[in-house]
Amino acid sequence: MKIKYNSPVVLTFVFLCAIILFLNQMLFHNLIQYWFSVPGKGGFSSSNPRNWVDLVSHVLGHANWNHLTGNLLIILIVGPMLEDIYGSAALMLMMFITAFITGGINVLFFSTGLLGASGIVFMMILLASFTNFRKGEIPLTFILVLIFYIGNEVISSLNNDGIAHFVHIIGGFCGSVFGFFRKTPPAPPRVSG
């Protein structure tokens, strides 16, 4: 038996996040603050190229190891299945779009900075609930995930706890849109018995 790099986009993302946090804590103490967090409203300058990078790179930066592992465990559980279903290029594009949208919304509407992959996590959670989607049907799993995960985030957003709950909601919305508009896979053969 050999170890296989079975999910290149997910695994590369996970390793990059871990390496960035390690470098931030051990060598370059402001690395995440300067390159892997998006500024809040009023802190973004369209003439600063670094700020444009921040709109996407913020998903690679995490505040600490608990923040990182909380996000990456779900990404490692759900991500490989999604990468297998959609393909590496499509999943990478969905992650990029989700990062850009959540970063852009933060810059436009919220005064605090943003970092972390929780938007990607919620995109993947909602996208995964669409894995058995067929044209003309709405999976009950999607409805339940929407109620429990996004409903909890809406309620939690009423607390001032320093967590950007809107990112979870927007990430979930992105995953829902990606799942709803993807090509319907062929129906699996029915086994009668």
C-alpha atoms as a PDB file:
ATOM      1  CA  MET A   1       0.000   0.000   0.000  1.00  0.00           C
ATOM      2  CA  LYS A   2       1.112   3.532  -0.661  1.00  0.00           C
ATOM      3  CA  ILE A   3      -0.130   6.957   0.414  1.00  0.00           C
ATOM      4  CA  LYS A   4      -1.819   8.828  -2.421  1.00  0.00           C
ATOM      5  CA  TYR A   5      -2.209  12.588  -2.823  1.00  0.00           C
ATOM      6  CA  ASN A   6      -5.856  11.854  -3.606  1.00  0.00           C
ATOM      7  CA  SER A   7      -7.358  15.325  -3.583  1.00  0.00           C
ATOM      8  CA  PRO A   8      -4.798  17.830  -4.892  1.00  0.00           C
ATOM      9  CA  VAL A   9      -6.828  21.032  -4.514  1.00  0.00           C
ATOM     10  CA  VAL A  10      -8.071  20.235  -1.013  1.00  0.00           C
ATOM     11  CA  LEU A  11      -4.741  18.905   0.244  1.00  0.00           C
ATOM     12  CA  THR A  12      -2.733  21.772  -1.241  1.00  0.00           C
ATOM     13  CA  PHE A  13      -5.158  24.263   0.333  1.00  0.00           C
ATOM     14  CA  VAL A  14      -4.859  22.545   3.726  1.00  0.00           C
ATOM     15  CA  PHE A  15      -1.057  22.436   3.578  1.00  0.00           C
ATOM     16  CA  LEU A  16      -0.835  26.096   2.501  1.00  0.00           C
ATOM     17  CA  CYS A  17      -3.047  27.183   5.410  1.00  0.00           C
ATOM     18  CA  ALA A  18      -0.945  25.208   7.896  1.00  0.00           C
ATOM     19  CA  ILE A  19       2.372  26.464   6.477  1.00  0.00           C
ATOM     20  CA  ILE A  20       1.174  30.079   6.533  1.00  0.00           C
ATOM     21  CA  LEU A  21       0.064  29.839  10.168  1.00  0.00           C
ATOM     22  CA  PHE A  22       3.323  28.113  11.133  1.00  0.00           C
ATOM     23  CA  LEU A  23       5.417  30.802   9.395  1.00  0.00           C
ATOM     24  CA  ASN A  24       3.304  33.524  10.999  1.00  0.00           C
ATOM     25  CA  GLN A  25       3.836  32.115  14.487  1.00  0.00           C
ATOM     26  CA  MET A  26       7.484  31.135  14.158  1.00  0.00           C
ATOM     27  CA  LEU A  27       9.192  33.571  11.763  1.00  0.00           C
ATOM     28  CA  PHE A  28       7.082  36.351  10.293  1.00  0.00           C
ATOM     29  CA  HIS A  29       4.699  37.523  13.005  1.00  0.00           C
ATOM     30  CA  ASN A  30       2.706  39.889  10.788  1.00  0.00           C
ATOM     31  CA  LEU A  31       2.504  37.648   7.710  1.00  0.00           C
ATOM     32  CA  ILE A  32      -1.200  36.868   8.113  1.00  0.00           C
ATOM     33  CA  GLN A  33      -2.108  40.430   9.030  1.00  0.00           C
ATOM     34  CA  TYR A  34      -0.411  41.860   5.943  1.00  0.00           C
ATOM     35  CA  TRP A  35      -0.993  39.185   3.285  1.00  0.00           C
ATOM     36  CA  PHE A  36      -3.777  36.853   4.415  1.00  0.00           C
ATOM     37  CA  SER A  37      -6.554  39.039   5.779  1.00  0.00           C
ATOM     38  CA  VAL A  38      -8.893  41.365   3.977  1.00  0.00           C
ATOM     39  CA  PRO A  39      -9.400  44.846   5.441  1.00  0.00           C
ATOM     40  CA  GLY A  40     -12.778  46.099   6.514  1.00  0.00           C
ATOM     41  CA  LYS A  41     -14.810  48.904   5.016  1.00  0.00           C
ATOM     42  CA  GLY A  42     -12.633  51.963   4.529  1.00  0.00           C
ATOM     43  CA  GLY A  43      -9.385  49.966   4.693  1.00  0.00           C
ATOM     44  CA  PHE A  44      -9.412  48.782   1.086  1.00  0.00           C
ATOM     45  CA  SER A  45      -7.568  50.782  -1.550  1.00  0.00           C
ATOM     46  CA  SER A  46      -8.309  49.877  -5.164  1.00  0.00           C
ATOM     47  CA  SER A  47      -4.928  51.350  -6.154  1.00  0.00           C
ATOM     48  CA  ASN A  48      -3.060  48.970  -3.840  1.00  0.00           C
ATOM     49  CA  PRO A  49      -2.408  45.626  -5.629  1.00  0.00           C
ATOM     50  CA  ARG A  50      -1.945  43.875  -2.295  1.00  0.00           C
ATOM     51  CA  ASN A  51      -5.540  44.680  -1.333  1.00  0.00           C
ATOM     52  CA  TRP A  52      -6.759  42.898  -4.473  1.00  0.00           C
ATOM     53  CA  VAL A  53      -4.729  39.825  -3.482  1.00  0.00           C
ATOM     54  CA  ASP A  54      -6.242  40.051   0.013  1.00  0.00           C
ATOM     55  CA  LEU A  55      -9.748  39.633  -1.436  1.00  0.00           C
ATOM     56  CA  VAL A  56      -8.870  36.013  -2.157  1.00  0.00           C
ATOM     57  CA  SER A  57      -5.869  35.212   0.070  1.00  0.00           C
ATOM     58  CA  HIS A  58      -7.790  35.823   3.314  1.00  0.00           C
ATOM     59  CA  VAL A  59      -9.058  32.218   3.200  1.00  0.00           C
ATOM     60  CA  LEU A  60      -5.485  30.976   3.740  1.00  0.00           C
ATOM     61  CA  GLY A  61      -4.884  32.964   6.948  1.00  0.00           C
ATOM     62  CA  HIS A  62      -6.114  31.833  10.361  1.00  0.00           C
ATOM     63  CA  ALA A  63      -5.908  33.424  13.787  1.00  0.00           C
ATOM     64  CA  ASN A  64      -4.576  30.341  15.603  1.00  0.00           C
ATOM     65  CA  TRP A  65      -4.382  26.537  15.462  1.00  0.00           C
ATOM     66  CA  ASN A  66      -7.911  26.089  16.861  1.00  0.00           C
ATOM     67  CA  HIS A  67      -9.318  28.346  14.152  1.00  0.00           C
ATOM     68  CA  LEU A  68      -7.335  26.464  11.524  1.00  0.00           C
ATOM     69  CA  THR A  69      -8.246  22.939  12.641  1.00  0.00           C
ATOM     70  CA  GLY A  70     -11.912  23.857  13.059  1.00  0.00           C
ATOM     71  CA  ASN A  71     -12.062  24.853   9.396  1.00  0.00           C
ATOM     72  CA  LEU A  72      -9.723  22.276   7.932  1.00  0.00           C
ATOM     73  CA  LEU A  73     -11.312  19.226   9.533  1.00  0.00           C
ATOM     74  CA  ILE A  74     -14.554  19.878   7.700  1.00  0.00           C
ATOM     75  CA  ILE A  75     -12.694  20.713   4.484  1.00  0.00           C
ATOM     76  CA  LEU A  76     -10.761  17.433   4.753  1.00  0.00           C
ATOM     77  CA  ILE A  77     -13.957  15.450   5.355  1.00  0.00           C
ATOM     78  CA  VAL A  78     -16.166  17.012   2.665  1.00  0.00           C
ATOM     79  CA  GLY A  79     -13.633  18.416   0.175  1.00  0.00           C
ATOM     80  CA  PRO A  80     -12.232  15.199  -1.320  1.00  0.00           C
ATOM     81  CA  MET A  81     -15.739  13.939  -2.139  1.00  0.00           C
ATOM     82  CA  LEU A  82     -16.573  17.257  -3.823  1.00  0.00           C
ATOM     83  CA  GLU A  83     -13.283  17.290  -5.714  1.00  0.00           C
ATOM     84  CA  ASP A  84     -14.029  13.768  -6.936  1.00  0.00           C
ATOM     85  CA  ILE A  85     -17.548  14.746  -8.082  1.00  0.00           C
ATOM     86  CA  TYR A  86     -16.788  18.155  -9.628  1.00  0.00           C
ATOM     87  CA  GLY A  87     -13.133  17.791 -10.551  1.00  0.00           C
ATOM     88  CA  SER A  88     -10.125  19.688  -9.248  1.00  0.00           C
ATOM     89  CA  ALA A  89     -10.403  22.681 -11.579  1.00  0.00           C
ATOM     90  CA  ALA A  90     -14.100  23.262 -10.868  1.00  0.00           C
ATOM     91  CA  LEU A  91     -13.660  22.978  -7.100  1.00  0.00           C
ATOM     92  CA  MET A  92     -10.699  25.362  -7.186  1.00  0.00           C
ATOM     93  CA  LEU A  93     -12.791  27.842  -9.177  1.00  0.00           C
ATOM     94  CA  MET A  94     -15.672  27.549  -6.684  1.00  0.00           C
ATOM     95  CA  MET A  95     -13.278  28.159  -3.798  1.00  0.00           C
ATOM     96  CA  PHE A  96     -11.773  31.176  -5.583  1.00  0.00           C
ATOM     97  CA  ILE A  97     -15.206  32.677  -6.344  1.00  0.00           C
ATOM     98  CA  THR A  98     -16.389  32.126  -2.771  1.00  0.00           C
ATOM     99  CA  ALA A  99     -13.224  33.749  -1.380  1.00  0.00           C
ATOM    100  CA  PHE A 100     -13.579  36.732  -3.716  1.00  0.00           C
ATOM    101  CA  ILE A 101     -17.275  37.246  -2.946  1.00  0.00           C
ATOM    102  CA  THR A 102     -16.858  36.981   0.840  1.00  0.00           C
ATOM    103  CA  GLY A 103     -13.799  39.262   0.765  1.00  0.00           C
ATOM    104  CA  GLY A 104     -15.579  41.788  -1.456  1.00  0.00           C
ATOM    105  CA  ILE A 105     -18.696  41.862   0.717  1.00  0.00           C
ATOM    106  CA  ASN A 106     -16.544  42.366   3.802  1.00  0.00           C
ATOM    107  CA  VAL A 107     -14.771  45.322   2.191  1.00  0.00           C
ATOM    108  CA  LEU A 108     -18.065  46.891   1.110  1.00  0.00           C
ATOM    109  CA  PHE A 109     -20.205  46.404   4.209  1.00  0.00           C
ATOM    110  CA  PHE A 110     -18.223  45.519   7.349  1.00  0.00           C
ATOM    111  CA  SER A 111     -15.737  47.580   9.332  1.00  0.00           C
ATOM    112  CA  THR A 112     -13.679  44.690  10.715  1.00  0.00           C
ATOM    113  CA  GLY A 113     -11.003  42.686   8.916  1.00  0.00           C
ATOM    114  CA  LEU A 114     -11.601  39.139   7.757  1.00  0.00           C
ATOM    115  CA  LEU A 115      -9.489  35.990   7.682  1.00  0.00           C
ATOM    116  CA  GLY A 116     -10.081  32.252   7.587  1.00  0.00           C
ATOM    117  CA  ALA A 117     -11.650  29.562   5.439  1.00  0.00           C
ATOM    118  CA  SER A 118     -15.082  29.403   7.048  1.00  0.00           C
ATOM    119  CA  GLY A 119     -16.759  30.731   3.900  1.00  0.00           C
ATOM    120  CA  ILE A 120     -15.147  27.856   1.994  1.00  0.00           C
ATOM    121  CA  VAL A 121     -16.324  25.434   4.710  1.00  0.00           C
ATOM    122  CA  PHE A 122     -19.939  26.551   4.425  1.00  0.00           C
ATOM    123  CA  MET A 123     -19.748  26.567   0.622  1.00  0.00           C
ATOM    124  CA  MET A 124     -18.630  22.932   0.766  1.00  0.00           C
ATOM    125  CA  ILE A 125     -21.261  21.933   3.336  1.00  0.00           C
ATOM    126  CA  LEU A 126     -24.140  23.302   1.254  1.00  0.00           C
ATOM    127  CA  LEU A 127     -22.609  22.057  -1.996  1.00  0.00           C
ATOM    128  CA  ALA A 128     -22.297  18.550  -0.521  1.00  0.00           C
ATOM    129  CA  SER A 129     -26.012  18.526   0.284  1.00  0.00           C
ATOM    130  CA  PHE A 130     -26.623  18.756  -3.486  1.00  0.00           C
ATOM    131  CA  THR A 131     -24.630  15.643  -4.372  1.00  0.00           C
ATOM    132  CA  ASN A 132     -27.743  13.641  -5.209  1.00  0.00           C
ATOM    133  CA  PHE A 133     -29.627  16.517  -6.825  1.00  0.00           C
ATOM    134  CA  ARG A 134     -31.805  15.629  -9.816  1.00  0.00           C
ATOM    135  CA  LYS A 135     -33.526  18.074 -12.129  1.00  0.00           C
ATOM    136  CA  GLY A 136     -36.943  19.036 -10.819  1.00  0.00           C
ATOM    137  CA  GLU A 137     -36.148  17.966  -7.248  1.00  0.00           C
ATOM    138  CA  ILE A 138     -34.848  19.720  -4.170  1.00  0.00           C
ATOM    139  CA  PRO A 139     -32.988  17.347  -1.850  1.00  0.00           C
ATOM    140  CA  LEU A 140     -34.379  17.224   1.671  1.00  0.00           C
ATOM    141  CA  THR A 141     -30.764  17.054   2.868  1.00  0.00           C
ATOM    142  CA  PHE A 142     -30.220  20.505   1.358  1.00  0.00           C
ATOM    143  CA  ILE A 143     -33.281  21.922   3.152  1.00  0.00           C
ATOM    144  CA  LEU A 144     -32.200  20.458   6.492  1.00  0.00           C
ATOM    145  CA  VAL A 145     -28.606  21.648   6.122  1.00  0.00           C
ATOM    146  CA  LEU A 146     -29.898  25.076   5.147  1.00  0.00           C
ATOM    147  CA  ILE A 147     -32.138  25.227   8.215  1.00  0.00           C
ATOM    148  CA  PHE A 148     -29.568  23.957  10.705  1.00  0.00           C
ATOM    149  CA  TYR A 149     -26.329  25.488   9.474  1.00  0.00           C
ATOM    150  CA  ILE A 150     -27.474  28.753   7.957  1.00  0.00           C
ATOM    151  CA  GLY A 151     -30.310  29.214  10.453  1.00  0.00           C
ATOM    152  CA  ASN A 152     -27.806  28.876  13.276  1.00  0.00           C
ATOM    153  CA  GLU A 153     -25.554  31.459  11.602  1.00  0.00           C
ATOM    154  CA  VAL A 154     -28.403  33.947  11.239  1.00  0.00           C
ATOM    155  CA  ILE A 155     -29.238  33.571  14.934  1.00  0.00           C
ATOM    156  CA  SER A 156     -25.543  33.702  15.920  1.00  0.00           C
ATOM    157  CA  SER A 157     -25.032  36.874  13.888  1.00  0.00           C
ATOM    158  CA  LEU A 158     -27.173  38.697  16.452  1.00  0.00           C
ATOM    159  CA  ASN A 159     -24.369  38.209  18.998  1.00  0.00           C
ATOM    160  CA  ASN A 160     -21.325  40.438  18.964  1.00  0.00           C
ATOM    161  CA  ASP A 161     -18.850  37.560  19.297  1.00  0.00           C
ATOM    162  CA  GLY A 162     -16.156  38.658  16.823  1.00  0.00           C
ATOM    163  CA  ILE A 163     -17.062  35.909  14.338  1.00  0.00           C
ATOM    164  CA  ALA A 164     -17.972  36.984  10.802  1.00  0.00           C
ATOM    165  CA  HIS A 165     -21.195  34.961  10.581  1.00  0.00           C
ATOM    166  CA  PHE A 166     -22.078  36.701   7.327  1.00  0.00           C
ATOM    167  CA  VAL A 167     -19.147  34.850   5.713  1.00  0.00           C
ATOM    168  CA  HIS A 168     -20.724  31.541   6.693  1.00  0.00           C
ATOM    169  CA  ILE A 169     -24.050  32.639   5.229  1.00  0.00           C
ATOM    170  CA  ILE A 170     -22.500  33.953   1.999  1.00  0.00           C
ATOM    171  CA  GLY A 171     -20.314  30.850   1.673  1.00  0.00           C
ATOM    172  CA  GLY A 172     -23.394  28.670   2.098  1.00  0.00           C
ATOM    173  CA  PHE A 173     -25.225  30.740  -0.494  1.00  0.00           C
ATOM    174  CA  CYS A 174     -22.322  30.242  -2.937  1.00  0.00           C
ATOM    175  CA  GLY A 175     -22.389  26.482  -2.353  1.00  0.00           C
ATOM    176  CA  SER A 176     -26.151  26.434  -2.911  1.00  0.00           C
ATOM    177  CA  VAL A 177     -25.832  28.300  -6.200  1.00  0.00           C
ATOM    178  CA  PHE A 178     -22.971  26.072  -7.374  1.00  0.00           C
ATOM    179  CA  GLY A 179     -24.915  22.944  -6.453  1.00  0.00           C
ATOM    180  CA  PHE A 180     -28.165  24.093  -7.997  1.00  0.00           C
ATOM    181  CA  PHE A 181     -26.658  25.115 -11.334  1.00  0.00           C
ATOM    182  CA  ARG A 182     -24.230  22.249 -11.836  1.00  0.00           C
ATOM    183  CA  LYS A 183     -24.827  19.692 -14.545  1.00  0.00           C
ATOM    184  CA  THR A 184     -27.108  16.929 -13.365  1.00  0.00           C
ATOM    185  CA  PRO A 185     -25.176  13.657 -13.256  1.00  0.00           C
ATOM    186  CA  PRO A 186     -26.686  10.626 -14.906  1.00  0.00           C
ATOM    187  CA  ALA A 187     -29.041   8.733 -12.638  1.00  0.00           C
ATOM    188  CA  PRO A 188     -27.444   5.666 -11.105  1.00  0.00           C
ATOM    189  CA  PRO A 189     -28.822   2.367 -12.336  1.00  0.00           C
ATOM    190  CA  ARG A 190     -31.654   1.075 -10.167  1.00  0.00           C
ATOM    191  CA  VAL A 191     -31.179  -2.379  -8.771  1.00  0.00           C
ATOM    192  CA  SER A 192     -34.365  -4.325  -8.296  1.00  0.00           C
ATOM    193  CA  GLY A 193     -34.376  -7.211  -6.165  1.00  0.00           C
END
